[in-house]
Amino acid sequence: MLLEQYGFSPALLPKDAQGLPARITAVHRERFALVSEEGEGFGRLKTREYYVEGQEFPTVGDFVLVRPVPGGDSQILRTLPRRSFFSRHDPDPNGGEQAVAANFDVVLLLQSLNRDFNIRRLERYLTLAWQSGASPAVVLTKADLAGDRARAVRLAEETAVGVPVFTVSAKTGEGLGAVSDLLRPGVTAVFLGSSGVGKSSLVNALAGEELMTTGSIREDDDRGRHTTTHRQLLLLPNGAMVIDTPGMRALGMWDVSTGLGETFADVEALLGQCRFRDCRHGSEPGCAVRAALESGALSPDRWESYRSLQREAQYSEDQSAYRREKQQRNKSIAKQIRRLERGGWKK
């Protein structure tokens, strides 16, 4: 019953399942907080399954199979299939794909109405949200500190076409009811926003109690101090779940072909209207993109944002292909070693 409160269904179990189902509620370097029918505890990855056989590394929200260890951390044996998944390009120069959250229903994209509001960043968030497989919603926080609120809402609605846009204030309570309607019992929502946007304050306001520590507002620039230091899943009193993430001002693209098409549907519609299929959208005759730019139907900033994210996604995909090939080679080597070991070969 406990795990069902955290969104688990027996239908998630494969036929060959071995182990106790659990859900990852927080990630602390190489240690994972989890909840199962036995209660709350911690787990560590089983080396062979994850580092040799190549199981998907779990992240917050993942359902996994574990082997309990009396008096110690459970062994995490397997990551179960995901219904939605959010990742980004690891900001580390040598990094690859960085898992952020899994198995959520809605992505709340947070930007504050004081000084954090940024359309280019919102486009980036939207692209990643659509790619995840869940439904996005835009939440403009700190309405009590807003300058030109009407302009910000208009720009957000024009950018996130067809996506609900909410203005809220954790301080005054404005707009909280509308956001609460999205967070029904059993629903998992992931909060995405840059540092100091007010995610912790919003979670506390929605919960009606202080589940998370909040930072004060700096007097010099009205920005909140960032307080979340690791990804975590929280169960709200009404039965909904929230995945809070550390503030991420830099969100590197990673495999976002679907997300770009959703976020920039207006731009991609133009691409198919050019006279030539291989149009580079420069000086070629009959270019629909250039015509839209000249008429003002497409803003230069939006066109450049699309091209920039597309280039970034292509780079990430090239890196991903290389790493997939390398991982496959490592798997093949590991299989050969296991066959030799079964045949009596010793190192």
Protein backbone atom coordinates (compact mmCIF):
# COMPACT_ATOMS: atom_id res chain seq x y z
CA MET A 1 0.00 0.00 0.00
CA LEU A 2 2.84 2.41 0.81
CA LEU A 3 4.40 2.12 -2.64
CA GLU A 4 1.02 2.57 -4.34
CA GLN A 5 0.86 6.00 -2.68
CA TYR A 6 4.02 6.77 -4.62
CA GLY A 7 2.45 5.89 -7.95
CA PHE A 8 3.47 2.23 -8.28
CA SER A 9 1.32 -0.23 -10.21
CA PRO A 10 1.95 -4.01 -10.47
CA ALA A 11 1.62 -3.57 -14.24
CA LEU A 12 5.10 -2.00 -14.19
CA LEU A 13 6.69 -5.33 -13.23
CA PRO A 14 8.17 -7.42 -16.06
CA LYS A 15 7.43 -11.15 -16.12
CA ASP A 16 10.96 -12.04 -15.04
CA ALA A 17 10.99 -9.55 -12.14
CA GLN A 18 13.19 -10.55 -9.23
CA GLY A 19 13.45 -8.29 -6.22
CA LEU A 20 11.36 -5.87 -4.20
CA PRO A 21 9.82 -2.92 -6.09
CA ALA A 22 10.84 0.54 -4.84
CA ARG A 23 10.85 4.14 -6.02
CA ILE A 24 13.87 6.43 -5.96
CA THR A 25 13.06 9.55 -3.91
CA ALA A 26 16.46 11.28 -3.87
CA VAL A 27 19.94 10.99 -5.35
CA HIS A 28 23.03 11.58 -3.21
CA ARG A 29 26.09 10.91 -5.36
CA GLU A 30 26.38 7.10 -5.35
CA ARG A 31 23.66 6.54 -2.73
CA PHE A 32 19.94 6.56 -3.45
CA ALA A 33 17.07 7.25 -1.06
CA LEU A 34 14.12 4.98 -1.81
CA VAL A 35 10.72 3.91 -0.57
CA SER A 36 9.21 0.42 -0.73
CA GLU A 37 6.63 -1.67 1.09
CA GLU A 38 9.25 -2.10 3.80
CA GLY A 39 9.39 1.67 4.34
CA GLU A 40 12.03 4.28 3.60
CA GLY A 41 15.71 3.44 3.25
CA PHE A 42 18.77 3.73 1.03
CA GLY A 43 20.25 1.70 -1.78
CA ARG A 44 23.39 1.36 -3.87
CA LEU A 45 23.76 0.09 -7.41
CA LYS A 46 24.75 -3.56 -7.87
CA THR A 47 28.03 -3.32 -9.77
CA ARG A 48 27.62 -6.06 -12.37
CA GLU A 49 24.08 -5.11 -13.38
CA TYR A 50 24.84 -1.42 -13.85
CA TYR A 51 28.54 -1.11 -14.65
CA VAL A 52 28.99 -4.30 -16.68
CA GLU A 53 25.59 -5.26 -18.09
CA GLY A 54 24.61 -1.64 -18.76
CA GLN A 55 21.35 -1.16 -16.86
CA GLU A 56 19.92 2.37 -17.12
CA PHE A 57 21.25 4.34 -14.16
CA PRO A 58 18.29 5.35 -11.99
CA THR A 59 17.30 8.89 -11.14
CA VAL A 60 14.63 10.52 -8.98
CA GLY A 61 11.19 9.11 -9.78
CA ASP A 62 12.46 5.83 -11.19
CA PHE A 63 10.92 2.56 -10.11
CA VAL A 64 13.54 -0.09 -9.43
CA LEU A 65 13.91 -3.63 -8.13
CA VAL A 66 16.02 -4.00 -5.01
CA ARG A 67 17.39 -6.72 -2.77
CA PRO A 68 17.06 -5.62 0.89
CA VAL A 69 20.17 -6.01 3.05
CA PRO A 70 19.38 -6.31 6.78
CA GLY A 71 21.07 -3.48 8.65
CA GLY A 72 22.55 -1.92 5.50
CA ASP A 73 21.81 -0.30 2.14
CA SER A 74 19.69 -2.33 -0.26
CA GLN A 75 21.19 -3.52 -3.55
CA ILE A 76 19.54 -1.88 -6.56
CA LEU A 77 19.26 -4.61 -9.20
CA ARG A 78 17.27 -3.15 -12.07
CA THR A 79 15.65 0.03 -13.37
CA LEU A 80 12.09 -0.58 -14.54
CA PRO A 81 10.78 0.88 -17.84
CA ARG A 82 9.95 4.60 -17.72
CA ARG A 83 6.82 6.34 -18.94
CA SER A 84 8.54 9.72 -19.11
CA PHE A 85 12.12 10.85 -18.72
CA PHE A 86 13.92 14.17 -18.50
CA SER A 87 17.64 14.52 -19.08
CA ARG A 88 20.11 17.21 -20.03
CA HIS A 89 23.62 17.42 -21.42
CA ASP A 90 25.99 17.23 -18.47
CA PRO A 91 27.63 20.68 -18.01
CA ASP A 92 30.92 18.91 -17.26
CA PRO A 93 33.17 19.23 -20.36
CA ASN A 94 33.62 15.46 -20.41
CA GLY A 95 30.05 14.69 -19.45
CA GLY A 96 27.38 12.97 -21.50
CA GLU A 97 23.69 12.58 -20.78
CA GLN A 98 22.68 13.51 -17.23
CA ALA A 99 19.43 11.99 -15.94
CA VAL A 100 17.29 14.46 -14.01
CA ALA A 101 13.88 12.88 -13.35
CA ALA A 102 11.63 10.02 -14.47
CA ASN A 103 8.02 8.81 -14.39
CA PHE A 104 6.24 12.15 -14.06
CA ASP A 105 2.98 13.37 -15.57
CA VAL A 106 3.45 17.13 -15.80
CA VAL A 107 6.45 19.48 -16.04
CA LEU A 108 6.06 22.83 -14.29
CA LEU A 109 8.39 25.35 -15.94
CA LEU A 110 9.11 28.08 -13.42
CA GLN A 111 10.30 31.61 -14.13
CA SER A 112 9.97 34.50 -11.71
CA LEU A 113 8.31 37.77 -12.61
CA ASN A 114 10.93 39.95 -10.97
CA ARG A 115 14.24 39.58 -12.83
CA ASP A 116 14.48 35.95 -13.90
CA PHE A 117 11.99 36.10 -16.78
CA ASN A 118 13.70 35.07 -20.01
CA ILE A 119 11.94 33.93 -23.19
CA ARG A 120 14.99 32.19 -24.65
CA ARG A 121 15.33 30.12 -21.49
CA LEU A 122 11.61 29.33 -21.58
CA GLU A 123 11.99 28.01 -25.14
CA ARG A 124 14.79 25.77 -23.91
CA TYR A 125 12.70 24.49 -20.98
CA LEU A 126 9.71 23.85 -23.27
CA THR A 127 11.81 21.85 -25.72
CA LEU A 128 13.10 19.57 -22.98
CA ALA A 129 9.65 19.26 -21.39
CA TRP A 130 7.94 18.20 -24.63
CA GLN A 131 10.75 15.72 -25.31
CA SER A 132 10.27 14.10 -21.89
CA GLY A 133 6.88 12.62 -22.80
CA ALA A 134 4.94 14.60 -20.18
CA SER A 135 2.74 17.71 -20.47
CA PRO A 136 4.29 21.12 -19.71
CA ALA A 137 2.77 24.08 -17.89
CA VAL A 138 4.37 27.49 -17.36
CA VAL A 139 4.33 28.92 -13.84
CA LEU A 140 5.37 32.56 -13.44
CA THR A 141 6.31 32.97 -9.79
CA LYS A 142 6.71 35.96 -7.46
CA ALA A 143 3.70 37.79 -8.87
CA ASP A 144 3.86 40.10 -5.85
CA LEU A 145 7.23 41.39 -7.15
CA ALA A 146 6.17 41.71 -10.80
CA GLY A 147 6.94 44.74 -12.88
CA ASP A 148 5.15 44.56 -16.25
CA ARG A 149 3.19 41.39 -15.55
CA ALA A 150 0.84 41.67 -18.54
CA ARG A 151 3.77 41.80 -20.98
CA ALA A 152 5.45 38.77 -19.40
CA VAL A 153 2.25 36.73 -19.52
CA ARG A 154 1.66 37.71 -23.16
CA LEU A 155 5.20 36.72 -24.18
CA ALA A 156 4.92 33.41 -22.31
CA GLU A 157 1.59 32.58 -23.98
CA GLU A 158 2.97 33.48 -27.43
CA THR A 159 6.01 31.28 -26.83
CA ALA A 160 4.25 28.33 -25.19
CA VAL A 161 1.34 28.04 -27.62
CA GLY A 162 -1.43 25.83 -26.25
CA VAL A 163 0.35 25.40 -22.89
CA PRO A 164 -1.36 26.71 -19.72
CA VAL A 165 0.36 29.75 -18.18
CA PHE A 166 -0.17 30.53 -14.48
CA THR A 167 0.92 33.51 -12.39
CA VAL A 168 1.41 32.72 -8.72
CA SER A 169 2.69 34.20 -5.49
CA ALA A 170 3.71 31.88 -2.68
CA LYS A 171 3.65 34.94 -0.41
CA THR A 172 0.09 36.13 -1.10
CA GLY A 173 -1.45 32.85 -2.28
CA GLU A 174 -2.40 34.26 -5.68
CA GLY A 175 -2.87 31.57 -8.34
CA LEU A 176 -2.11 28.62 -6.06
CA GLY A 177 -5.56 27.10 -6.53
CA ALA A 178 -5.14 26.82 -10.30
CA VAL A 179 -1.77 25.09 -9.96
CA SER A 180 -3.15 22.80 -7.23
CA ASP A 181 -5.79 21.58 -9.68
CA LEU A 182 -2.98 20.05 -11.77
CA LEU A 183 -1.57 18.18 -8.78
CA ARG A 184 -4.19 15.56 -8.12
CA PRO A 185 -3.58 12.47 -5.93
CA GLY A 186 -1.23 10.06 -7.70
CA VAL A 187 0.09 12.70 -10.12
CA THR A 188 3.84 13.30 -10.21
CA ALA A 189 5.06 16.75 -11.26
CA VAL A 190 8.64 17.82 -11.88
CA PHE A 191 9.62 21.43 -11.13
CA LEU A 192 12.19 23.01 -13.45
CA GLY A 193 13.61 26.47 -12.95
CA SER A 194 16.83 28.35 -12.42
CA SER A 195 18.32 29.08 -9.01
CA GLY A 196 16.25 31.32 -6.76
CA VAL A 197 13.09 31.15 -8.87
CA GLY A 198 11.05 30.14 -5.83
CA LYS A 199 10.53 26.41 -6.29
CA SER A 200 10.88 25.58 -2.60
CA SER A 201 8.51 28.36 -1.56
CA LEU A 202 5.94 27.18 -4.10
CA VAL A 203 6.19 23.55 -2.91
CA ASN A 204 5.63 24.68 0.68
CA ALA A 205 2.69 26.86 -0.31
CA LEU A 206 1.05 24.03 -2.26
CA ALA A 207 1.63 21.60 0.63
CA GLY A 208 0.33 24.01 3.23
CA GLU A 209 3.36 23.29 5.41
CA GLU A 210 7.13 23.74 5.29
CA LEU A 211 8.41 20.64 3.52
CA MET A 212 11.48 22.43 2.18
CA THR A 213 13.90 25.04 3.49
CA THR A 214 13.60 28.36 1.69
CA GLY A 215 16.16 31.10 1.17
CA SER A 216 15.74 34.79 1.79
CA ILE A 217 15.51 37.47 -0.88
CA ARG A 218 18.72 39.37 -1.53
CA GLU A 219 18.13 43.06 -1.14
CA ASP A 220 20.51 44.07 -3.93
CA ASP A 221 18.71 42.30 -6.78
CA ASP A 222 15.45 40.79 -5.43
CA ARG A 223 16.63 37.28 -6.28
CA GLY A 224 15.98 34.33 -4.01
CA ARG A 225 18.89 32.28 -2.77
CA HIS A 226 18.97 28.75 -4.12
CA THR A 227 18.27 26.15 -1.43
CA THR A 228 17.74 22.79 -3.20
CA THR A 229 21.05 20.92 -3.33
CA HIS A 230 19.92 17.57 -4.77
CA ARG A 231 17.05 16.08 -6.74
CA GLN A 232 14.26 14.74 -4.54
CA LEU A 233 10.68 13.47 -4.72
CA LEU A 234 8.21 14.74 -2.12
CA LEU A 235 4.76 13.37 -1.28
CA LEU A 236 2.32 16.23 -0.70
CA PRO A 237 -0.47 15.92 1.89
CA ASN A 238 -3.10 15.63 -0.85
CA GLY A 239 -1.38 12.57 -2.41
CA ALA A 240 0.33 14.32 -5.31
CA MET A 241 4.10 14.06 -5.73
CA VAL A 242 6.61 16.75 -6.63
CA ILE A 243 10.12 16.23 -7.96
CA ASP A 244 12.23 19.25 -7.10
CA THR A 245 15.53 19.79 -8.85
CA PRO A 246 18.51 22.04 -8.12
CA GLY A 247 18.33 25.29 -10.06
CA MET A 248 19.60 24.79 -13.59
CA ARG A 249 20.31 27.99 -15.48
CA ALA A 250 22.30 25.98 -18.05
CA LEU A 251 20.13 23.27 -19.61
CA GLY A 252 22.12 21.49 -22.30
CA MET A 253 20.11 19.90 -25.11
CA TRP A 254 20.07 16.12 -25.37
CA ASP A 255 18.05 14.24 -28.02
CA VAL A 256 15.28 16.81 -28.44
CA SER A 257 14.05 16.22 -32.01
CA THR A 258 10.44 15.83 -30.83
CA GLY A 259 10.70 18.69 -28.35
CA LEU A 260 11.98 21.14 -30.96
CA GLY A 261 9.08 20.28 -33.25
CA GLU A 262 6.55 20.99 -30.49
CA THR A 263 8.16 24.18 -29.20
CA PHE A 264 8.93 25.62 -32.63
CA ALA A 265 5.97 24.28 -34.60
CA ASP A 266 5.61 27.66 -36.35
CA VAL A 267 9.24 27.60 -37.51
CA GLU A 268 9.20 23.97 -38.67
CA ALA A 269 5.99 24.61 -40.61
CA LEU A 270 7.90 27.22 -42.65
CA LEU A 271 10.75 24.81 -43.40
CA GLY A 272 8.45 22.66 -45.51
CA GLN A 273 7.23 25.60 -47.58
CA CYS A 274 10.55 26.52 -49.20
CA ARG A 275 10.80 26.04 -52.99
CA PHE A 276 13.81 23.75 -52.70
CA ARG A 277 13.97 20.81 -50.31
CA ASP A 278 17.64 21.47 -49.55
CA CYS A 279 17.11 25.19 -48.91
CA ARG A 280 19.69 26.63 -46.51
CA HIS A 281 17.40 29.60 -45.74
CA GLY A 282 19.92 32.14 -46.93
CA SER A 283 19.82 33.69 -50.42
CA GLU A 284 17.98 30.86 -52.18
CA PRO A 285 14.90 31.93 -54.19
CA GLY A 286 11.53 30.90 -52.79
CA CYS A 287 12.75 30.60 -49.19
CA ALA A 288 9.71 30.69 -46.89
CA VAL A 289 11.85 31.39 -43.82
CA ARG A 290 13.50 34.44 -45.35
CA ALA A 291 10.12 35.72 -46.53
CA ALA A 292 8.70 35.35 -43.01
CA LEU A 293 11.69 37.18 -41.54
CA GLU A 294 11.34 40.03 -44.03
CA SER A 295 7.59 40.37 -43.44
CA GLY A 296 7.93 40.26 -39.65
CA ALA A 297 5.89 37.05 -39.35
CA LEU A 298 8.95 35.40 -37.80
CA SER A 299 11.21 37.32 -35.44
CA PRO A 300 14.99 37.10 -36.00
CA ASP A 301 15.46 36.23 -32.31
CA ARG A 302 13.11 33.24 -32.51
CA TRP A 303 14.72 32.00 -35.73
CA GLU A 304 18.19 32.27 -34.24
CA SER A 305 17.01 30.55 -31.04
CA TYR A 306 15.68 27.63 -33.09
CA ARG A 307 18.91 27.33 -35.07
CA SER A 308 21.03 27.55 -31.93
CA LEU A 309 19.09 24.81 -30.11
CA GLN A 310 19.11 22.66 -33.25
CA ARG A 311 22.90 22.93 -33.54
CA GLU A 312 23.31 22.15 -29.85
CA ALA A 313 21.03 19.12 -30.12
CA GLN A 314 22.95 17.84 -33.14
CA TYR A 315 26.24 18.09 -31.26
CA SER A 316 24.76 16.21 -28.31
CA GLU A 317 23.37 13.51 -30.62
CA ASP A 318 26.79 13.02 -32.21
CA GLN A 319 28.29 12.64 -28.74
CA SER A 320 25.49 10.25 -27.78
CA ALA A 321 26.07 8.03 -30.82
CA TYR A 322 29.76 7.76 -29.94
CA ARG A 323 29.01 6.81 -26.34
CA ARG A 324 26.35 4.27 -27.37
CA GLU A 325 28.84 2.60 -29.68
CA LYS A 326 31.47 2.55 -26.93
CA GLN A 327 28.96 1.12 -24.43
CA GLN A 328 28.01 -1.62 -26.89
CA ARG A 329 31.68 -2.55 -27.34
CA ASN A 330 32.10 -2.75 -23.57
CA LYS A 331 29.02 -4.99 -23.28
CA SER A 332 30.41 -7.33 -25.94
CA ILE A 333 33.76 -7.56 -24.13
CA ALA A 334 31.98 -8.27 -20.82
CA LYS A 335 29.96 -11.09 -22.44
CA GLN A 336 33.11 -12.65 -23.86
CA ILE A 337 34.75 -12.54 -20.41
CA ARG A 338 31.72 -14.23 -18.81
CA ARG A 339 31.77 -17.00 -21.44
CA LEU A 340 35.47 -17.57 -20.79
CA GLU A 341 34.87 -17.66 -17.04
CA ARG A 342 32.11 -20.27 -17.46
CA GLY A 343 34.55 -22.30 -19.53
CA GLY A 344 37.05 -22.41 -16.70
CA TRP A 345 39.36 -19.58 -17.81
CA LYS A 346 40.92 -17.63 -14.92
CA LYS A 347 42.52 -14.22 -15.00
